[in-house]
Every structure is written in structure tokens, then in C-alpha cells.
PDB file of N, CA and C in Angstrom:
ATOM      1  N   MET A   1     -15.241 -32.029  -2.332  1.00  0.00           N
ATOM      2  CA  MET A   1     -14.400 -32.106  -3.491  1.00  0.00           C
ATOM      3  C   MET A   1     -13.261 -30.946  -3.255  1.00  0.00           C
ATOM      4  N   ILE A   2     -12.126 -31.306  -3.373  1.00  0.00           N
ATOM      5  CA  ILE A   2     -10.866 -30.367  -3.142  1.00  0.00           C
ATOM      6  C   ILE A   2     -10.406 -30.068  -4.580  1.00  0.00           C
ATOM      7  N   ASN A   3     -10.447 -28.615  -4.751  1.00  0.00           N
ATOM      8  CA  ASN A   3      -9.810 -28.197  -6.086  1.00  0.00           C
ATOM      9  C   ASN A   3      -8.394 -27.968  -5.822  1.00  0.00           C
ATOM     10  N   TRP A   4      -7.380 -28.950  -6.274  1.00  0.00           N
ATOM     11  CA  TRP A   4      -6.114 -28.673  -6.193  1.00  0.00           C
ATOM     12  C   TRP A   4      -5.454 -28.244  -7.467  1.00  0.00           C
ATOM     13  N   ASN A   5      -4.740 -27.336  -7.473  1.00  0.00           N
ATOM     14  CA  ASN A   5      -3.934 -26.902  -8.805  1.00  0.00           C
ATOM     15  C   ASN A   5      -2.461 -26.931  -8.452  1.00  0.00           C
ATOM     16  N   PRO A   6      -1.746 -27.838  -9.117  1.00  0.00           N
ATOM     17  CA  PRO A   6      -0.326 -27.826  -8.855  1.00  0.00           C
ATOM     18  C   PRO A   6       0.434 -26.776  -9.338  1.00  0.00           C
ATOM     19  N   PHE A   7      -0.065 -25.978 -10.210  1.00  0.00           N
ATOM     20  CA  PHE A   7       0.613 -24.784 -10.836  1.00  0.00           C
ATOM     21  C   PHE A   7       0.275 -23.351 -10.268  1.00  0.00           C
ATOM     22  N   LYS A   8      -0.698 -23.578  -9.313  1.00  0.00           N
ATOM     23  CA  LYS A   8      -1.069 -22.223  -8.488  1.00  0.00           C
ATOM     24  C   LYS A   8       0.145 -21.862  -7.591  1.00  0.00           C
ATOM     25  N   LYS A   9       0.527 -20.523  -7.667  1.00  0.00           N
ATOM     26  CA  LYS A   9       1.516 -20.006  -6.815  1.00  0.00           C
ATOM     27  C   LYS A   9       0.993 -19.902  -5.350  1.00  0.00           C
ATOM     28  N   LYS A  10       1.912 -20.046  -4.396  1.00  0.00           N
ATOM     29  CA  LYS A  10       1.461 -20.069  -2.970  1.00  0.00           C
ATOM     30  C   LYS A  10       1.980 -18.806  -2.542  1.00  0.00           C
ATOM     31  N   ASN A  11       1.081 -18.124  -1.736  1.00  0.00           N
ATOM     32  CA  ASN A  11       1.567 -16.817  -1.061  1.00  0.00           C
ATOM     33  C   ASN A  11       1.514 -17.023   0.374  1.00  0.00           C
ATOM     34  N   ASN A  12       2.575 -17.609   0.863  1.00  0.00           N
ATOM     35  CA  ASN A  12       2.724 -17.828   2.376  1.00  0.00           C
ATOM     36  C   ASN A  12       3.312 -16.842   3.136  1.00  0.00           C
ATOM     37  N   SER A  13       3.703 -15.641   2.570  1.00  0.00           N
ATOM     38  CA  SER A  13       4.429 -14.738   3.303  1.00  0.00           C
ATOM     39  C   SER A  13       3.399 -13.767   4.098  1.00  0.00           C
ATOM     40  N   GLY A  14       2.288 -13.888   3.809  1.00  0.00           N
ATOM     41  CA  GLY A  14       1.312 -13.061   4.549  1.00  0.00           C
ATOM     42  C   GLY A  14       1.145 -11.591   4.096  1.00  0.00           C
ATOM     43  N   VAL A  15       1.943 -11.375   2.946  1.00  0.00           N
ATOM     44  CA  VAL A  15       2.051  -9.997   2.444  1.00  0.00           C
ATOM     45  C   VAL A  15       1.144  -9.990   1.206  1.00  0.00           C
ATOM     46  N   PRO A  16       0.327  -9.032   1.074  1.00  0.00           N
ATOM     47  CA  PRO A  16      -0.636  -8.929  -0.011  1.00  0.00           C
ATOM     48  C   PRO A  16       0.035  -8.813  -1.345  1.00  0.00           C
ATOM     49  N   HIS A  17      -0.509  -9.284  -2.474  1.00  0.00           N
ATOM     50  CA  HIS A  17       0.218  -9.302  -3.732  1.00  0.00           C
ATOM     51  C   HIS A  17       0.506  -7.692  -4.061  1.00  0.00           C
ATOM     52  N   MET A  18       1.827  -7.585  -4.371  1.00  0.00           N
ATOM     53  CA  MET A  18       2.264  -6.208  -4.922  1.00  0.00           C
ATOM     54  C   MET A  18       2.879  -6.424  -6.261  1.00  0.00           C
ATOM     55  N   GLY A  19       2.816  -5.200  -6.863  1.00  0.00           N
ATOM     56  CA  GLY A  19       3.490  -5.102  -8.014  1.00  0.00           C
ATOM     57  C   GLY A  19       4.984  -5.008  -7.877  1.00  0.00           C
ATOM     58  N   PHE A  20       5.779  -5.067  -9.056  1.00  0.00           N
ATOM     59  CA  PHE A  20       7.206  -4.995  -8.987  1.00  0.00           C
ATOM     60  C   PHE A  20       7.922  -3.793  -8.305  1.00  0.00           C
ATOM     61  N   LEU A  21       7.386  -2.634  -8.690  1.00  0.00           N
ATOM     62  CA  LEU A  21       7.909  -1.227  -8.044  1.00  0.00           C
ATOM     63  C   LEU A  21       7.465  -1.265  -6.646  1.00  0.00           C
ATOM     64  N   GLN A  22       6.338  -1.766  -6.073  1.00  0.00           N
ATOM     65  CA  GLN A  22       5.906  -1.660  -4.803  1.00  0.00           C
ATOM     66  C   GLN A  22       6.783  -2.708  -3.985  1.00  0.00           C
ATOM     67  N   ARG A  23       7.032  -3.967  -4.528  1.00  0.00           N
ATOM     68  CA  ARG A  23       7.969  -4.697  -3.767  1.00  0.00           C
ATOM     69  C   ARG A  23       9.368  -4.150  -3.662  1.00  0.00           C
ATOM     70  N   LEU A  24       9.837  -3.509  -4.738  1.00  0.00           N
ATOM     71  CA  LEU A  24      11.227  -2.974  -4.711  1.00  0.00           C
ATOM     72  C   LEU A  24      11.139  -1.683  -3.582  1.00  0.00           C
ATOM     73  N   ALA A  25      10.182  -0.881  -3.514  1.00  0.00           N
ATOM     74  CA  ALA A  25      10.043   0.156  -2.534  1.00  0.00           C
ATOM     75  C   ALA A  25      10.000  -0.423  -1.158  1.00  0.00           C
ATOM     76  N   MET A  26       9.290  -1.523  -0.950  1.00  0.00           N
ATOM     77  CA  MET A  26       9.186  -2.185   0.303  1.00  0.00           C
ATOM     78  C   MET A  26      10.664  -2.706   0.846  1.00  0.00           C
ATOM     79  N   LYS A  27      11.226  -3.327  -0.076  1.00  0.00           N
ATOM     80  CA  LYS A  27      12.564  -3.879   0.262  1.00  0.00           C
ATOM     81  C   LYS A  27      13.527  -2.623   0.497  1.00  0.00           C
ATOM     82  N   LYS A  28      13.390  -1.513  -0.074  1.00  0.00           N
ATOM     83  CA  LYS A  28      14.359  -0.522   0.075  1.00  0.00           C
ATOM     84  C   LYS A  28      13.933   0.176   1.534  1.00  0.00           C
ATOM     85  N   LEU A  29      12.687   0.177   1.736  1.00  0.00           N
ATOM     86  CA  LEU A  29      12.105   0.740   3.086  1.00  0.00           C
ATOM     87  C   LEU A  29      12.651  -0.040   4.259  1.00  0.00           C
ATOM     88  N   GLU A  30      12.603  -1.363   4.084  1.00  0.00           N
ATOM     89  CA  GLU A  30      13.000  -2.283   5.217  1.00  0.00           C
ATOM     90  C   GLU A  30      14.467  -2.208   5.479  1.00  0.00           C
ATOM     91  N   LYS A  31      15.317  -1.838   4.460  1.00  0.00           N
ATOM     92  CA  LYS A  31      16.805  -1.738   4.622  1.00  0.00           C
ATOM     93  C   LYS A  31      17.201  -0.441   5.261  1.00  0.00           C
ATOM     94  N   MET A  32      16.223   0.491   5.347  1.00  0.00           N
ATOM     95  CA  MET A  32      16.790   1.859   5.778  1.00  0.00           C
ATOM     96  C   MET A  32      16.929   1.809   7.339  1.00  0.00           C
ATOM     97  N   SER A  33      17.808   2.830   7.635  1.00  0.00           N
ATOM     98  CA  SER A  33      17.766   2.940   9.070  1.00  0.00           C
ATOM     99  C   SER A  33      16.509   3.507   9.639  1.00  0.00           C
ATOM    100  N   PRO A  34      16.224   3.444  10.930  1.00  0.00           N
ATOM    101  CA  PRO A  34      15.079   4.198  11.491  1.00  0.00           C
ATOM    102  C   PRO A  34      14.929   5.446  11.266  1.00  0.00           C
ATOM    103  N   GLU A  35      15.965   6.213  11.277  1.00  0.00           N
ATOM    104  CA  GLU A  35      16.098   7.736  11.200  1.00  0.00           C
ATOM    105  C   GLU A  35      15.599   8.081   9.763  1.00  0.00           C
ATOM    106  N   GLU A  36      16.194   7.314   8.769  1.00  0.00           N
ATOM    107  CA  GLU A  36      15.698   7.682   7.337  1.00  0.00           C
ATOM    108  C   GLU A  36      14.361   7.378   7.204  1.00  0.00           C
ATOM    109  N   ARG A  37      13.837   6.155   7.631  1.00  0.00           N
ATOM    110  CA  ARG A  37      12.466   5.886   7.548  1.00  0.00           C
ATOM    111  C   ARG A  37      11.473   6.898   8.218  1.00  0.00           C
ATOM    112  N   GLU A  38      11.951   7.425   9.360  1.00  0.00           N
ATOM    113  CA  GLU A  38      11.136   8.504   9.963  1.00  0.00           C
ATOM    114  C   GLU A  38      11.054   9.848   9.198  1.00  0.00           C
ATOM    115  N   LYS A  39      12.286  10.163   8.637  1.00  0.00           N
ATOM    116  CA  LYS A  39      12.378  11.370   7.627  1.00  0.00           C
ATOM    117  C   LYS A  39      11.582  11.311   6.581  1.00  0.00           C
ATOM    118  N   ILE A  40      11.511  10.129   5.929  1.00  0.00           N
ATOM    119  CA  ILE A  40      10.565   9.994   4.736  1.00  0.00           C
ATOM    120  C   ILE A  40       9.107   9.974   4.997  1.00  0.00           C
ATOM    121  N   THR A  41       8.788   9.407   6.168  1.00  0.00           N
ATOM    122  CA  THR A  41       7.431   9.322   6.668  1.00  0.00           C
ATOM    123  C   THR A  41       6.904  10.896   6.986  1.00  0.00           C
ATOM    124  N   ARG A  42       7.745  11.628   7.504  1.00  0.00           N
ATOM    125  CA  ARG A  42       7.524  13.033   7.834  1.00  0.00           C
ATOM    126  C   ARG A  42       7.307  13.776   6.605  1.00  0.00           C
ATOM    127  N   GLU A  43       8.137  13.530   5.643  1.00  0.00           N
ATOM    128  CA  GLU A  43       8.086  14.191   4.326  1.00  0.00           C
ATOM    129  C   GLU A  43       6.772  13.794   3.530  1.00  0.00           C
ATOM    130  N   ALA A  44       6.263  12.434   3.563  1.00  0.00           N
ATOM    131  CA  ALA A  44       5.065  12.202   3.028  1.00  0.00           C
ATOM    132  C   ALA A  44       3.920  12.709   3.706  1.00  0.00           C
ATOM    133  N   MET A  45       3.917  12.940   5.036  1.00  0.00           N
ATOM    134  CA  MET A  45       2.836  13.419   5.747  1.00  0.00           C
ATOM    135  C   MET A  45       2.681  15.007   5.859  1.00  0.00           C
ATOM    136  N   LYS A  46       3.545  15.758   4.905  1.00  0.00           N
ATOM    137  CA  LYS A  46       3.386  17.118   4.928  1.00  0.00           C
ATOM    138  C   LYS A  46       1.949  17.424   4.304  1.00  0.00           C
ATOM    139  N   PRO A  47       1.437  18.536   4.648  1.00  0.00           N
ATOM    140  CA  PRO A  47      -0.141  19.012   4.061  1.00  0.00           C
ATOM    141  C   PRO A  47      -0.135  18.984   2.561  1.00  0.00           C
ATOM    142  N   GLU A  48       0.889  19.389   1.774  1.00  0.00           N
ATOM    143  CA  GLU A  48       0.704  19.418   0.425  1.00  0.00           C
ATOM    144  C   GLU A  48       0.713  18.031  -0.105  1.00  0.00           C
ATOM    145  N   ASN A  49       1.477  17.183   0.389  1.00  0.00           N
ATOM    146  CA  ASN A  49       1.629  15.689  -0.077  1.00  0.00           C
ATOM    147  C   ASN A  49       0.370  14.998   0.286  1.00  0.00           C
ATOM    148  N   MET A  50      -0.287  15.381   1.493  1.00  0.00           N
ATOM    149  CA  MET A  50      -1.496  14.653   1.919  1.00  0.00           C
ATOM    150  C   MET A  50      -2.488  15.101   0.995  1.00  0.00           C
ATOM    151  N   GLU A  51      -2.678  16.157   0.472  1.00  0.00           N
ATOM    152  CA  GLU A  51      -3.659  16.741  -0.416  1.00  0.00           C
ATOM    153  C   GLU A  51      -3.563  15.762  -1.694  1.00  0.00           C
ATOM    154  N   LYS A  52      -2.332  15.665  -2.178  1.00  0.00           N
ATOM    155  CA  LYS A  52      -2.109  14.784  -3.341  1.00  0.00           C
ATOM    156  C   LYS A  52      -2.614  13.356  -3.153  1.00  0.00           C
ATOM    157  N   ILE A  53      -2.300  12.837  -1.978  1.00  0.00           N
ATOM    158  CA  ILE A  53      -2.671  11.489  -1.727  1.00  0.00           C
ATOM    159  C   ILE A  53      -4.239  11.341  -1.459  1.00  0.00           C
ATOM    160  N   GLN A  54      -4.822  12.301  -0.966  1.00  0.00           N
ATOM    161  CA  GLN A  54      -6.263  12.267  -0.845  1.00  0.00           C
ATOM    162  C   GLN A  54      -6.968  12.376  -2.332  1.00  0.00           C
ATOM    163  N   LYS A  55      -6.335  13.086  -3.183  1.00  0.00           N
ATOM    164  CA  LYS A  55      -6.979  13.085  -4.381  1.00  0.00           C
ATOM    165  C   LYS A  55      -6.758  11.816  -5.105  1.00  0.00           C
ATOM    166  N   VAL A  56      -5.703  11.146  -5.062  1.00  0.00           N
ATOM    167  CA  VAL A  56      -5.429   9.972  -5.808  1.00  0.00           C
ATOM    168  C   VAL A  56      -6.500   8.817  -5.165  1.00  0.00           C
ATOM    169  N   MET A  57      -6.555   8.824  -3.829  1.00  0.00           N
ATOM    170  CA  MET A  57      -7.644   8.061  -3.111  1.00  0.00           C
ATOM    171  C   MET A  57      -8.976   8.190  -3.587  1.00  0.00           C
ATOM    172  N   GLU A  58      -9.432   9.439  -3.811  1.00  0.00           N
ATOM    173  CA  GLU A  58     -10.686   9.731  -4.261  1.00  0.00           C
ATOM    174  C   GLU A  58     -10.946   9.222  -5.626  1.00  0.00           C
ATOM    175  N   GLN A  59      -9.882   9.334  -6.557  1.00  0.00           N
ATOM    176  CA  GLN A  59      -9.964   8.717  -8.006  1.00  0.00           C
ATOM    177  C   GLN A  59     -10.082   7.270  -7.791  1.00  0.00           C
ATOM    178  N   MET A  60      -9.460   6.616  -6.999  1.00  0.00           N
ATOM    179  CA  MET A  60      -9.437   5.160  -6.734  1.00  0.00           C
ATOM    180  C   MET A  60     -10.856   4.652  -6.345  1.00  0.00           C
ATOM    181  N   GLU A  61     -11.380   5.574  -5.479  1.00  0.00           N
ATOM    182  CA  GLU A  61     -12.772   5.263  -4.949  1.00  0.00           C
ATOM    183  C   GLU A  61     -13.774   5.385  -6.076  1.00  0.00           C
ATOM    184  N   SER A  62     -13.539   6.461  -7.048  1.00  0.00           N
ATOM    185  CA  SER A  62     -14.614   6.663  -8.019  1.00  0.00           C
ATOM    186  C   SER A  62     -14.388   5.541  -8.998  1.00  0.00           C
ATOM    187  N   SER A  63     -13.127   4.892  -9.214  1.00  0.00           N
ATOM    188  CA  SER A  63     -12.999   3.969 -10.257  1.00  0.00           C
ATOM    189  C   SER A  63     -13.299   2.661  -9.765  1.00  0.00           C
ATOM    190  N   GLY A  64     -13.667   2.414  -8.380  1.00  0.00           N
ATOM    191  CA  GLY A  64     -14.071   1.198  -7.700  1.00  0.00           C
ATOM    192  C   GLY A  64     -12.957   0.326  -7.319  1.00  0.00           C
ATOM    193  N   GLN A  65     -11.766   1.094  -7.145  1.00  0.00           N
ATOM    194  CA  GLN A  65     -10.582   0.305  -6.589  1.00  0.00           C
ATOM    195  C   GLN A  65     -10.573   0.362  -5.017  1.00  0.00           C
ATOM    196  N   PHE A  66     -11.309   1.361  -4.491  1.00  0.00           N
ATOM    197  CA  PHE A  66     -11.403   1.485  -3.009  1.00  0.00           C
ATOM    198  C   PHE A  66     -12.875   1.578  -2.753  1.00  0.00           C
ATOM    199  N   SER A  67     -13.295   0.999  -1.708  1.00  0.00           N
ATOM    200  CA  SER A  67     -14.670   1.031  -1.283  1.00  0.00           C
ATOM    201  C   SER A  67     -14.858   2.219  -0.252  1.00  0.00           C
ATOM    202  N   GLU A  68     -15.983   2.646  -0.021  1.00  0.00           N
ATOM    203  CA  GLU A  68     -16.300   3.756   0.946  1.00  0.00           C
ATOM    204  C   GLU A  68     -15.733   3.417   2.182  1.00  0.00           C
ATOM    205  N   GLU A  69     -15.893   2.200   2.793  1.00  0.00           N
ATOM    206  CA  GLU A  69     -15.443   1.762   4.032  1.00  0.00           C
ATOM    207  C   GLU A  69     -13.951   1.729   4.001  1.00  0.00           C
ATOM    208  N   GLN A  70     -13.232   1.426   3.028  1.00  0.00           N
ATOM    209  CA  GLN A  70     -11.805   1.485   3.046  1.00  0.00           C
ATOM    210  C   GLN A  70     -11.335   2.890   2.976  1.00  0.00           C
ATOM    211  N   MET A  71     -12.017   3.834   2.426  1.00  0.00           N
ATOM    212  CA  MET A  71     -11.651   5.308   2.449  1.00  0.00           C
ATOM    213  C   MET A  71     -11.824   5.863   3.886  1.00  0.00           C
ATOM    214  N   ASN A  72     -12.948   5.406   4.627  1.00  0.00           N
ATOM    215  CA  ASN A  72     -13.201   5.971   5.881  1.00  0.00           C
ATOM    216  C   ASN A  72     -12.115   5.329   6.888  1.00  0.00           C
ATOM    217  N   GLU A  73     -11.508   4.197   6.752  1.00  0.00           N
ATOM    218  CA  GLU A  73     -10.614   3.520   7.581  1.00  0.00           C
ATOM    219  C   GLU A  73      -9.279   4.311   7.406  1.00  0.00           C
ATOM    220  N   THR A  74      -8.917   4.551   6.124  1.00  0.00           N
ATOM    221  CA  THR A  74      -7.649   5.241   5.761  1.00  0.00           C
ATOM    222  C   THR A  74      -7.718   6.559   6.187  1.00  0.00           C
ATOM    223  N   LYS A  75      -8.739   7.374   6.155  1.00  0.00           N
ATOM    224  CA  LYS A  75      -8.861   8.781   6.615  1.00  0.00           C
ATOM    225  C   LYS A  75      -8.666   8.732   8.143  1.00  0.00           C
ATOM    226  N   LYS A  76      -9.122   7.669   8.715  1.00  0.00           N
ATOM    227  CA  LYS A  76      -8.936   7.758  10.321  1.00  0.00           C
ATOM    228  C   LYS A  76      -7.476   7.701  10.703  1.00  0.00           C
ATOM    229  N   LYS A  77      -6.795   6.952   9.988  1.00  0.00           N
ATOM    230  CA  LYS A  77      -5.357   6.669  10.223  1.00  0.00           C
ATOM    231  C   LYS A  77      -4.594   7.963   9.748  1.00  0.00           C
TER     232      LYS A  77
END
């Protein structure tokens, strides 16, 4: 039996569902020049910013938004 819903939205783009602000940020990032993108990436990867990111990730793990496996994969990167 096939469950077909004519009102279901299709996500053919291969991009996971993102909120409004996330989509806006992704579009802005895609429009940037490679130099600007690299500068922003370097800024985000500074030690003080990495600590903030890790704290947020730990909160997400404790609230159940992240699994332990996802945390380990992210820390490897």
C-alpha cells in the first residue's frame, strides 16, 4: 500500500531542513568570495569561539538534540 499525500512538501534539493535564519546565512555564505569565506571560517575556528561552540554542542547533547555518536564525529572534524 502506497501512502501518497498530495499536500506533502517535497525536499528534492538534498539539503536538510533548515530554519529561516539558517537558510539566509547559507545563501549569504554561498554568495561570498572565497577569500571572505576563508576569513569567516578562520574567525570561527579561533580557540575562544571553539570553546563556545563546544559548550553549545554539549547542551544540545544533554537536551537530546545530539547523540553521543554525532558529538564524536563532530569533534573529529
